[in-house]
Full PDB file with SEQRES, HELIX, SHEET, SSBOND, CRYST1, ORIGX, SCALE, CONECT and MASTER records, all heavy atoms in Angstrom:
SEQRES   1 A   36  GLY ASN SER ALA GLY ARG SER SER LEU GLU GLU GLU VAL          
SEQRES   2 A   36  GLU LYS MET ARG TRP SER THR LEU TRP GLY ALA ASP THR          
SEQRES   3 A   36  VAL MET ASP LEU SER THR GLY GLU ALA ILE                      
HELIX    1 AA1 LEU A    9  TRP A   22  1                                  14    
CRYST1    1.000    1.000    1.000  90.00  90.00  90.00 P 1           1          
ORIGX1      1.000000  0.000000  0.000000        0.00000                         
ORIGX2      0.000000  1.000000  0.000000        0.00000                         
ORIGX3      0.000000  0.000000  1.000000        0.00000                         
SCALE1      1.000000  0.000000  0.000000        0.00000                         
SCALE2      0.000000  1.000000  0.000000        0.00000                         
SCALE3      0.000000  0.000000  1.000000        0.00000                         
ATOM      1  N   GLY A   1       0.791  -1.220   0.034  1.00  0.00           N  
ATOM      2  CA  GLY A   1      -0.039   0.002   0.007  1.00  0.00           C  
ATOM      3  C   GLY A   1       0.785   1.289   0.002  1.00  0.00           C  
ATOM      4  O   GLY A   1       1.906   1.365   0.624  1.00  0.00           O  
ATOM      5  N   ASN A   2       0.253   2.296  -0.639  1.00  0.00           N  
ATOM      6  CA  ASN A   2       0.998   3.579  -0.671  1.00  0.00           C  
ATOM      7  C   ASN A   2       0.730   4.403   0.494  1.00  0.00           C  
ATOM      8  O   ASN A   2      -0.152   4.097   1.332  1.00  0.00           O  
ATOM      9  CB  ASN A   2       0.706   4.280  -1.945  1.00  0.00           C  
ATOM     10  CG  ASN A   2      -0.828   4.816  -2.066  1.00  0.00           C  
ATOM     11  OD1 ASN A   2      -1.525   4.996  -1.018  1.00  0.00           O  
ATOM     12  ND2 ASN A   2      -1.487   4.827  -3.165  1.00  0.00           N  
ATOM     13  N   SER A   3       1.347   5.370   0.650  1.00  0.00           N  
ATOM     14  CA  SER A   3       1.171   6.384   1.763  1.00  0.00           C  
ATOM     15  C   SER A   3       1.164   7.839   1.075  1.00  0.00           C  
ATOM     16  O   SER A   3       1.315   7.997  -0.117  1.00  0.00           O  
ATOM     17  CB  SER A   3       2.324   6.344   2.781  1.00  0.00           C  
ATOM     18  OG  SER A   3       3.560   6.793   2.206  1.00  0.00           O  
ATOM     19  N   ALA A   4       0.851   8.855   1.908  1.00  0.00           N  
ATOM     20  CA  ALA A   4       0.689  10.122   1.351  1.00  0.00           C  
ATOM     21  C   ALA A   4       1.857  10.677   0.624  1.00  0.00           C  
ATOM     22  O   ALA A   4       1.822  11.406  -0.316  1.00  0.00           O  
ATOM     23  CB  ALA A   4       0.250  11.062   2.411  1.00  0.00           C  
ATOM     24  N   GLY A   5       3.095  10.241   1.175  1.00  0.00           N  
ATOM     25  CA  GLY A   5       4.266  10.846   0.577  1.00  0.00           C  
ATOM     26  C   GLY A   5       5.099   9.830  -0.284  1.00  0.00           C  
ATOM     27  O   GLY A   5       6.171  10.223  -0.804  1.00  0.00           O  
ATOM     28  N   ARG A   6       4.723   8.588  -0.402  1.00  0.00           N  
ATOM     29  CA  ARG A   6       5.532   7.597  -1.070  1.00  0.00           C  
ATOM     30  C   ARG A   6       4.694   6.610  -1.911  1.00  0.00           C  
ATOM     31  O   ARG A   6       3.634   6.352  -1.630  1.00  0.00           O  
ATOM     32  CB  ARG A   6       6.331   6.762  -0.008  1.00  0.00           C  
ATOM     33  CG  ARG A   6       7.559   7.542   0.634  1.00  0.00           C  
ATOM     34  CD  ARG A   6       8.341   6.521   1.429  1.00  0.00           C  
ATOM     35  NE  ARG A   6       8.746   5.331   0.810  1.00  0.00           N  
ATOM     36  CZ  ARG A   6       9.455   4.427   1.353  1.00  0.00           C  
ATOM     37  NH1 ARG A   6       9.767   4.532   2.595  1.00  0.00           N  
ATOM     38  NH2 ARG A   6       9.819   3.389   0.609  1.00  0.00           N  
ATOM     39  N   SER A   7       5.498   6.122  -2.902  1.00  0.00           N  
ATOM     40  CA  SER A   7       5.058   4.891  -3.696  1.00  0.00           C  
ATOM     41  C   SER A   7       4.207   5.350  -4.849  1.00  0.00           C  
ATOM     42  O   SER A   7       3.475   6.335  -4.784  1.00  0.00           O  
ATOM     43  CB  SER A   7       4.383   3.891  -2.784  1.00  0.00           C  
ATOM     44  OG  SER A   7       4.099   2.681  -3.575  1.00  0.00           O  
ATOM     45  N   SER A   8       4.188   4.490  -5.868  1.00  0.00           N  
ATOM     46  CA  SER A   8       3.453   4.609  -7.106  1.00  0.00           C  
ATOM     47  C   SER A   8       2.621   3.313  -7.438  1.00  0.00           C  
ATOM     48  O   SER A   8       2.989   2.325  -6.687  1.00  0.00           O  
ATOM     49  CB  SER A   8       4.263   5.024  -8.273  1.00  0.00           C  
ATOM     50  OG  SER A   8       5.124   3.850  -8.570  1.00  0.00           O  
ATOM     51  N   LEU A   9       1.729   3.344  -8.276  1.00  0.00           N  
ATOM     52  CA  LEU A   9       0.949   2.095  -8.630  1.00  0.00           C  
ATOM     53  C   LEU A   9       1.849   1.115  -9.082  1.00  0.00           C  
ATOM     54  O   LEU A   9       1.766  -0.113  -8.708  1.00  0.00           O  
ATOM     55  CB  LEU A   9      -0.005   2.564  -9.754  1.00  0.00           C  
ATOM     56  CG  LEU A   9      -0.887   1.521 -10.424  1.00  0.00           C  
ATOM     57  CD1 LEU A   9      -2.133   2.246 -10.920  1.00  0.00           C  
ATOM     58  CD2 LEU A   9      -0.267   0.798 -11.514  1.00  0.00           C  
ATOM     59  N   GLU A  10       2.861   1.391  -9.949  1.00  0.00           N  
ATOM     60  CA  GLU A  10       3.856   0.371 -10.416  1.00  0.00           C  
ATOM     61  C   GLU A  10       4.668  -0.234  -9.261  1.00  0.00           C  
ATOM     62  O   GLU A  10       4.951  -1.480  -9.299  1.00  0.00           O  
ATOM     63  CB  GLU A  10       4.827   1.035 -11.446  1.00  0.00           C  
ATOM     64  CG  GLU A  10       4.079   1.434 -12.872  1.00  0.00           C  
ATOM     65  CD  GLU A  10       3.340   2.646 -12.645  1.00  0.00           C  
ATOM     66  OE1 GLU A  10       3.487   3.378 -11.718  1.00  0.00           O  
ATOM     67  OE2 GLU A  10       2.530   2.964 -13.585  1.00  0.00           O  
ATOM     68  N   GLU A  11       5.042   0.600  -8.281  1.00  0.00           N  
ATOM     69  CA  GLU A  11       5.843   0.098  -7.122  1.00  0.00           C  
ATOM     70  C   GLU A  11       5.008  -0.902  -6.398  1.00  0.00           C  
ATOM     71  O   GLU A  11       5.559  -1.931  -5.906  1.00  0.00           O  
ATOM     72  CB  GLU A  11       6.341   1.220  -6.384  1.00  0.00           C  
ATOM     73  CG  GLU A  11       7.438   2.014  -6.854  1.00  0.00           C  
ATOM     74  CD  GLU A  11       7.801   3.189  -5.881  1.00  0.00           C  
ATOM     75  OE1 GLU A  11       7.114   4.288  -5.996  1.00  0.00           O  
ATOM     76  OE2 GLU A  11       8.681   3.078  -5.180  1.00  0.00           O  
ATOM     77  N   GLU A  12       3.699  -0.579  -6.179  1.00  0.00           N  
ATOM     78  CA  GLU A  12       2.894  -1.547  -5.333  1.00  0.00           C  
ATOM     79  C   GLU A  12       2.679  -2.893  -6.064  1.00  0.00           C  
ATOM     80  O   GLU A  12       2.670  -3.880  -5.413  1.00  0.00           O  
ATOM     81  CB  GLU A  12       1.619  -0.781  -4.960  1.00  0.00           C  
ATOM     82  CG  GLU A  12       1.735   0.433  -4.131  1.00  0.00           C  
ATOM     83  CD  GLU A  12       2.640   0.140  -2.868  1.00  0.00           C  
ATOM     84  OE1 GLU A  12       2.476  -0.955  -2.219  1.00  0.00           O  
ATOM     85  OE2 GLU A  12       3.491   0.931  -2.561  1.00  0.00           O  
ATOM     86  N   VAL A  13       2.528  -2.760  -7.339  1.00  0.00           N  
ATOM     87  CA  VAL A  13       2.380  -4.019  -8.129  1.00  0.00           C  
ATOM     88  C   VAL A  13       3.728  -4.831  -8.051  1.00  0.00           C  
ATOM     89  O   VAL A  13       3.636  -6.030  -7.904  1.00  0.00           O  
ATOM     90  CB  VAL A  13       1.940  -3.818  -9.527  1.00  0.00           C  
ATOM     91  CG1 VAL A  13       2.062  -5.071 -10.449  1.00  0.00           C  
ATOM     92  CG2 VAL A  13       0.550  -3.257  -9.676  1.00  0.00           C  
ATOM     93  N   GLU A  14       4.872  -4.107  -8.187  1.00  0.00           N  
ATOM     94  CA  GLU A  14       6.198  -4.818  -8.094  1.00  0.00           C  
ATOM     95  C   GLU A  14       6.268  -5.481  -6.627  1.00  0.00           C  
ATOM     96  O   GLU A  14       6.738  -6.616  -6.583  1.00  0.00           O  
ATOM     97  CB  GLU A  14       7.192  -3.813  -8.376  1.00  0.00           C  
ATOM     98  CG  GLU A  14       8.626  -4.500  -8.267  1.00  0.00           C  
ATOM     99  CD  GLU A  14       9.767  -3.595  -8.276  1.00  0.00           C  
ATOM    100  OE1 GLU A  14       9.622  -2.380  -7.776  1.00  0.00           O  
ATOM    101  OE2 GLU A  14      10.824  -3.903  -8.823  1.00  0.00           O  
ATOM    102  N   LYS A  15       5.942  -4.844  -5.618  1.00  0.00           N  
ATOM    103  CA  LYS A  15       5.967  -5.299  -4.254  1.00  0.00           C  
ATOM    104  C   LYS A  15       4.985  -6.508  -4.129  1.00  0.00           C  
ATOM    105  O   LYS A  15       5.392  -7.532  -3.430  1.00  0.00           O  
ATOM    106  CB  LYS A  15       5.562  -4.274  -3.266  1.00  0.00           C  
ATOM    107  CG  LYS A  15       6.853  -3.402  -2.803  1.00  0.00           C  
ATOM    108  CD  LYS A  15       6.588  -2.689  -1.578  1.00  0.00           C  
ATOM    109  CE  LYS A  15       5.736  -1.487  -1.707  1.00  0.00           C  
ATOM    110  NZ  LYS A  15       5.563  -0.633  -0.453  1.00  0.00           N  
ATOM    111  N   MET A  16       3.857  -6.407  -4.727  1.00  0.00           N  
ATOM    112  CA  MET A  16       2.938  -7.568  -4.734  1.00  0.00           C  
ATOM    113  C   MET A  16       3.577  -8.778  -5.355  1.00  0.00           C  
ATOM    114  O   MET A  16       3.580  -9.959  -4.824  1.00  0.00           O  
ATOM    115  CB  MET A  16       1.634  -7.242  -5.316  1.00  0.00           C  
ATOM    116  CG  MET A  16       0.641  -8.374  -5.327  1.00  0.00           C  
ATOM    117  SD  MET A  16       0.795  -9.508  -6.669  1.00  0.00           S  
ATOM    118  CE  MET A  16       0.559  -8.327  -8.160  1.00  0.00           C  
ATOM    119  N   ARG A  17       4.229  -8.520  -6.543  1.00  0.00           N  
ATOM    120  CA  ARG A  17       4.830  -9.797  -7.280  1.00  0.00           C  
ATOM    121  C   ARG A  17       5.942 -10.271  -6.372  1.00  0.00           C  
ATOM    122  O   ARG A  17       6.192 -11.545  -6.344  1.00  0.00           O  
ATOM    123  CB  ARG A  17       5.329  -9.267  -8.591  1.00  0.00           C  
ATOM    124  CG  ARG A  17       4.192  -8.985  -9.630  1.00  0.00           C  
ATOM    125  CD  ARG A  17       4.810  -8.498 -10.941  1.00  0.00           C  
ATOM    126  NE  ARG A  17       5.526  -9.542 -11.668  1.00  0.00           N  
ATOM    127  CZ  ARG A  17       6.416  -9.418 -12.516  1.00  0.00           C  
ATOM    128  NH1 ARG A  17       6.786  -8.230 -12.957  1.00  0.00           N  
ATOM    129  NH2 ARG A  17       7.085 -10.386 -13.071  1.00  0.00           N  
ATOM    130  N   TRP A  18       6.771  -9.362  -5.868  1.00  0.00           N  
ATOM    131  CA  TRP A  18       7.880  -9.742  -4.969  1.00  0.00           C  
ATOM    132  C   TRP A  18       7.430 -10.570  -3.820  1.00  0.00           C  
ATOM    133  O   TRP A  18       8.116 -11.568  -3.375  1.00  0.00           O  
ATOM    134  CB  TRP A  18       8.617  -8.575  -4.574  1.00  0.00           C  
ATOM    135  CG  TRP A  18       9.986  -8.620  -3.950  1.00  0.00           C  
ATOM    136  CD1 TRP A  18      10.370  -8.287  -2.752  1.00  0.00           C  
ATOM    137  CD2 TRP A  18      11.159  -9.083  -4.588  1.00  0.00           C  
ATOM    138  NE1 TRP A  18      11.649  -8.455  -2.533  1.00  0.00           N  
ATOM    139  CE2 TRP A  18      12.274  -8.972  -3.725  1.00  0.00           C  
ATOM    140  CE3 TRP A  18      11.388  -9.553  -5.895  1.00  0.00           C  
ATOM    141  CZ2 TRP A  18      13.530  -9.361  -4.007  1.00  0.00           C  
ATOM    142  CZ3 TRP A  18      12.818  -9.978  -6.119  1.00  0.00           C  
ATOM    143  CH2 TRP A  18      13.763  -9.810  -5.217  1.00  0.00           C  
ATOM    144  N   SER A  19       6.337 -10.202  -3.190  1.00  0.00           N  
ATOM    145  CA  SER A  19       5.825 -10.862  -2.046  1.00  0.00           C  
ATOM    146  C   SER A  19       5.375 -12.299  -2.383  1.00  0.00           C  
ATOM    147  O   SER A  19       5.632 -13.235  -1.595  1.00  0.00           O  
ATOM    148  CB  SER A  19       4.611 -10.118  -1.409  1.00  0.00           C  
ATOM    149  OG  SER A  19       5.029  -8.746  -1.024  1.00  0.00           O  
ATOM    150  N   THR A  20       4.634 -12.413  -3.448  1.00  0.00           N  
ATOM    151  CA  THR A  20       4.132 -13.724  -3.809  1.00  0.00           C  
ATOM    152  C   THR A  20       5.265 -14.631  -4.275  1.00  0.00           C  
ATOM    153  O   THR A  20       5.129 -15.860  -4.155  1.00  0.00           O  
ATOM    154  CB  THR A  20       3.063 -13.615  -4.788  1.00  0.00           C  
ATOM    155  OG1 THR A  20       3.519 -12.925  -5.992  1.00  0.00           O  
ATOM    156  CG2 THR A  20       1.891 -12.845  -4.281  1.00  0.00           C  
ATOM    157  N   LEU A  21       6.341 -14.105  -4.901  1.00  0.00           N  
ATOM    158  CA  LEU A  21       7.423 -14.910  -5.381  1.00  0.00           C  
ATOM    159  C   LEU A  21       8.065 -15.592  -4.018  1.00  0.00           C  
ATOM    160  O   LEU A  21       8.363 -16.773  -4.071  1.00  0.00           O  
ATOM    161  CB  LEU A  21       8.569 -14.118  -5.945  1.00  0.00           C  
ATOM    162  CG  LEU A  21       9.841 -14.861  -6.176  1.00  0.00           C  
ATOM    163  CD1 LEU A  21       9.737 -15.850  -7.333  1.00  0.00           C  
ATOM    164  CD2 LEU A  21      11.012 -13.855  -6.450  1.00  0.00           C  
ATOM    165  N   TRP A  22       8.148 -14.853  -2.903  1.00  0.00           N  
ATOM    166  CA  TRP A  22       8.797 -15.508  -1.758  1.00  0.00           C  
ATOM    167  C   TRP A  22       7.818 -16.216  -0.853  1.00  0.00           C  
ATOM    168  O   TRP A  22       8.301 -16.916   0.065  1.00  0.00           O  
ATOM    169  CB  TRP A  22       9.527 -14.351  -0.853  1.00  0.00           C  
ATOM    170  CG  TRP A  22      10.566 -13.760  -1.681  1.00  0.00           C  
ATOM    171  CD1 TRP A  22      10.630 -12.369  -2.292  1.00  0.00           C  
ATOM    172  CD2 TRP A  22      11.843 -14.357  -2.059  1.00  0.00           C  
ATOM    173  NE1 TRP A  22      11.787 -12.276  -2.957  1.00  0.00           N  
ATOM    174  CE2 TRP A  22      12.564 -13.402  -2.890  1.00  0.00           C  
ATOM    175  CE3 TRP A  22      12.419 -15.575  -1.787  1.00  0.00           C  
ATOM    176  CZ2 TRP A  22      13.844 -13.658  -3.393  1.00  0.00           C  
ATOM    177  CZ3 TRP A  22      13.610 -15.882  -2.316  1.00  0.00           C  
ATOM    178  CH2 TRP A  22      14.364 -14.875  -3.092  1.00  0.00           C  
ATOM    179  N   GLY A  23       6.561 -16.148  -1.204  1.00  0.00           N  
ATOM    180  CA  GLY A  23       5.646 -17.138  -0.500  1.00  0.00           C  
ATOM    181  C   GLY A  23       4.494 -16.504   0.302  1.00  0.00           C  
ATOM    182  O   GLY A  23       3.879 -17.190   1.084  1.00  0.00           O  
ATOM    183  N   ALA A  24       4.096 -15.255  -0.057  1.00  0.00           N  
ATOM    184  CA  ALA A  24       2.890 -14.703   0.652  1.00  0.00           C  
ATOM    185  C   ALA A  24       1.667 -15.293   0.046  1.00  0.00           C  
ATOM    186  O   ALA A  24       1.523 -15.356  -1.155  1.00  0.00           O  
ATOM    187  CB  ALA A  24       2.924 -13.213   0.344  1.00  0.00           C  
ATOM    188  N   ASP A  25       0.825 -15.873   0.872  1.00  0.00           N  
ATOM    189  CA  ASP A  25      -0.438 -16.557   0.451  1.00  0.00           C  
ATOM    190  C   ASP A  25      -1.540 -15.569   0.154  1.00  0.00           C  
ATOM    191  O   ASP A  25      -2.459 -15.816  -0.568  1.00  0.00           O  
ATOM    192  CB  ASP A  25      -0.887 -17.466   1.540  1.00  0.00           C  
ATOM    193  CG  ASP A  25       0.149 -18.553   1.796  1.00  0.00           C  
ATOM    194  OD1 ASP A  25       0.155 -19.538   0.968  1.00  0.00           O  
ATOM    195  OD2 ASP A  25       0.965 -18.563   2.869  1.00  0.00           O  
ATOM    196  N   THR A  26      -1.560 -14.363   0.785  1.00  0.00           N  
ATOM    197  CA  THR A  26      -2.370 -13.332   0.549  1.00  0.00           C  
ATOM    198  C   THR A  26      -1.608 -11.983   0.728  1.00  0.00           C  
ATOM    199  O   THR A  26      -0.549 -11.927   1.223  1.00  0.00           O  
ATOM    200  CB  THR A  26      -3.654 -13.293   1.521  1.00  0.00           C  
ATOM    201  OG1 THR A  26      -3.149 -12.670   2.790  1.00  0.00           O  
ATOM    202  CG2 THR A  26      -4.223 -14.600   1.773  1.00  0.00           C  
ATOM    203  N   VAL A  27      -2.243 -10.985   0.197  1.00  0.00           N  
ATOM    204  CA  VAL A  27      -1.677  -9.562   0.271  1.00  0.00           C  
ATOM    205  C   VAL A  27      -2.801  -8.644   0.740  1.00  0.00           C  
ATOM    206  O   VAL A  27      -3.968  -8.946   0.399  1.00  0.00           O  
ATOM    207  CB  VAL A  27      -0.922  -9.105  -0.922  1.00  0.00           C  
ATOM    208  CG1 VAL A  27       0.247  -9.859  -1.334  1.00  0.00           C  
ATOM    209  CG2 VAL A  27      -1.915  -8.878  -2.082  1.00  0.00           C  
ATOM    210  N   MET A  28      -2.414  -7.564   1.603  1.00  0.00           N  
ATOM    211  CA  MET A  28      -3.374  -6.688   1.845  1.00  0.00           C  
ATOM    212  C   MET A  28      -3.000  -5.297   1.394  1.00  0.00           C  
ATOM    213  O   MET A  28      -1.837  -4.887   1.574  1.00  0.00           O  
ATOM    214  CB  MET A  28      -3.624  -6.578   3.437  1.00  0.00           C  
ATOM    215  CG  MET A  28      -4.256  -7.784   4.048  1.00  0.00           C  
ATOM    216  SD  MET A  28      -4.830  -7.576   5.661  1.00  0.00           S  
ATOM    217  CE  MET A  28      -6.318  -6.536   5.309  1.00  0.00           C  
ATOM    218  N   ASP A  29      -3.847  -4.651   0.680  1.00  0.00           N  
ATOM    219  CA  ASP A  29      -3.589  -3.200   0.303  1.00  0.00           C  
ATOM    220  C   ASP A  29      -4.080  -2.237   1.326  1.00  0.00           C  
ATOM    221  O   ASP A  29      -5.268  -2.103   1.469  1.00  0.00           O  
ATOM    222  CB  ASP A  29      -4.395  -3.069  -1.131  1.00  0.00           C  
ATOM    223  CG  ASP A  29      -4.202  -1.479  -1.492  1.00  0.00           C  
ATOM    224  OD1 ASP A  29      -3.274  -0.837  -1.062  1.00  0.00           O  
ATOM    225  OD2 ASP A  29      -5.032  -1.019  -2.381  1.00  0.00           O  
ATOM    226  N   LEU A  30      -3.124  -1.626   2.000  1.00  0.00           N  
ATOM    227  CA  LEU A  30      -3.451  -0.761   3.066  1.00  0.00           C  
ATOM    228  C   LEU A  30      -3.073   0.679   2.764  1.00  0.00           C  
ATOM    229  O   LEU A  30      -2.773   1.481   3.534  1.00  0.00           O  
ATOM    230  CB  LEU A  30      -2.596  -1.126   4.327  1.00  0.00           C  
ATOM    231  CG  LEU A  30      -2.648  -2.564   4.789  1.00  0.00           C  
ATOM    232  CD1 LEU A  30      -1.884  -2.762   6.051  1.00  0.00           C  
ATOM    233  CD2 LEU A  30      -4.087  -2.965   4.939  1.00  0.00           C  
ATOM    234  N   SER A  31      -3.395   1.085   1.492  1.00  0.00           N  
ATOM    235  CA  SER A  31      -3.028   2.304   0.912  1.00  0.00           C  
ATOM    236  C   SER A  31      -3.728   3.497   1.675  1.00  0.00           C  
ATOM    237  O   SER A  31      -4.955   3.310   1.964  1.00  0.00           O  
ATOM    238  CB  SER A  31      -3.400   2.496  -0.514  1.00  0.00           C  
ATOM    239  OG  SER A  31      -2.506   1.610  -1.366  1.00  0.00           O  
ATOM    240  N   THR A  32      -3.044   4.468   1.934  1.00  0.00           N  
ATOM    241  CA  THR A  32      -3.641   5.664   2.617  1.00  0.00           C  
ATOM    242  C   THR A  32      -3.363   7.002   1.906  1.00  0.00           C  
ATOM    243  O   THR A  32      -3.589   8.141   2.399  1.00  0.00           O  
ATOM    244  CB  THR A  32      -3.150   5.877   4.069  1.00  0.00           C  
ATOM    245  OG1 THR A  32      -1.679   5.896   4.079  1.00  0.00           O  
ATOM    246  CG2 THR A  32      -3.570   4.680   4.855  1.00  0.00           C  
ATOM    247  N   GLY A  33      -2.665   6.950   0.674  1.00  0.00           N  
ATOM    248  CA  GLY A  33      -2.156   8.031  -0.031  1.00  0.00           C  
ATOM    249  C   GLY A  33      -3.136   8.409  -1.083  1.00  0.00           C  
ATOM    250  O   GLY A  33      -4.420   8.339  -0.922  1.00  0.00           O  
ATOM    251  N   GLU A  34      -2.511   8.762  -2.272  1.00  0.00           N  
ATOM    252  CA  GLU A  34      -3.343   9.237  -3.343  1.00  0.00           C  
ATOM    253  C   GLU A  34      -3.728   7.966  -4.258  1.00  0.00           C  
ATOM    254  O   GLU A  34      -3.147   6.995  -4.209  1.00  0.00           O  
ATOM    255  CB  GLU A  34      -2.562  10.190  -4.179  1.00  0.00           C  
ATOM    256  CG  GLU A  34      -2.144  11.435  -3.425  1.00  0.00           C  
ATOM    257  CD  GLU A  34      -3.228  12.321  -2.934  1.00  0.00           C  
ATOM    258  OE1 GLU A  34      -4.340  12.330  -3.639  1.00  0.00           O  
ATOM    259  OE2 GLU A  34      -3.140  12.754  -1.739  1.00  0.00           O  
ATOM    260  N   ALA A  35      -4.779   8.213  -5.057  1.00  0.00           N  
ATOM    261  CA  ALA A  35      -5.226   7.229  -6.127  1.00  0.00           C  
ATOM    262  C   ALA A  35      -5.429   5.850  -5.418  1.00  0.00           C  
ATOM    263  O   ALA A  35      -5.001   4.864  -5.973  1.00  0.00           O  
ATOM    264  CB  ALA A  35      -4.103   7.259  -7.221  1.00  0.00           C  
ATOM    265  N   ILE A  36      -6.013   5.802  -4.304  1.00  0.00           N  
ATOM    266  CA  ILE A  36      -6.335   4.516  -3.599  1.00  0.00           C  
ATOM    267  C   ILE A  36      -7.060   3.519  -4.484  1.00  0.00           C  
ATOM    268  O   ILE A  36      -6.614   2.375  -4.690  1.00  0.00           O  
ATOM    269  CB  ILE A  36      -6.964   4.679  -2.292  1.00  0.00           C  
ATOM    270  CG1 ILE A  36      -6.016   5.459  -1.294  1.00  0.00           C  
ATOM    271  CG2 ILE A  36      -7.350   3.417  -1.673  1.00  0.00           C  
ATOM    272  CD1 ILE A  36      -6.716   5.821   0.011  1.00  0.00           C  
TER     273      ILE A  36                                                      
MASTER        0    0    0    1    0    0    0    6  272    1    0    3          
END                                                                             
């Protein structure tokens, strides 16, 4: 998830792919910034 001062849509998708590669069974989007 993004925050008010950090991250972009592409970065969050990359983090999601990175998480599932290493074994995350679910992900939660806890964005609080822009373009939620």
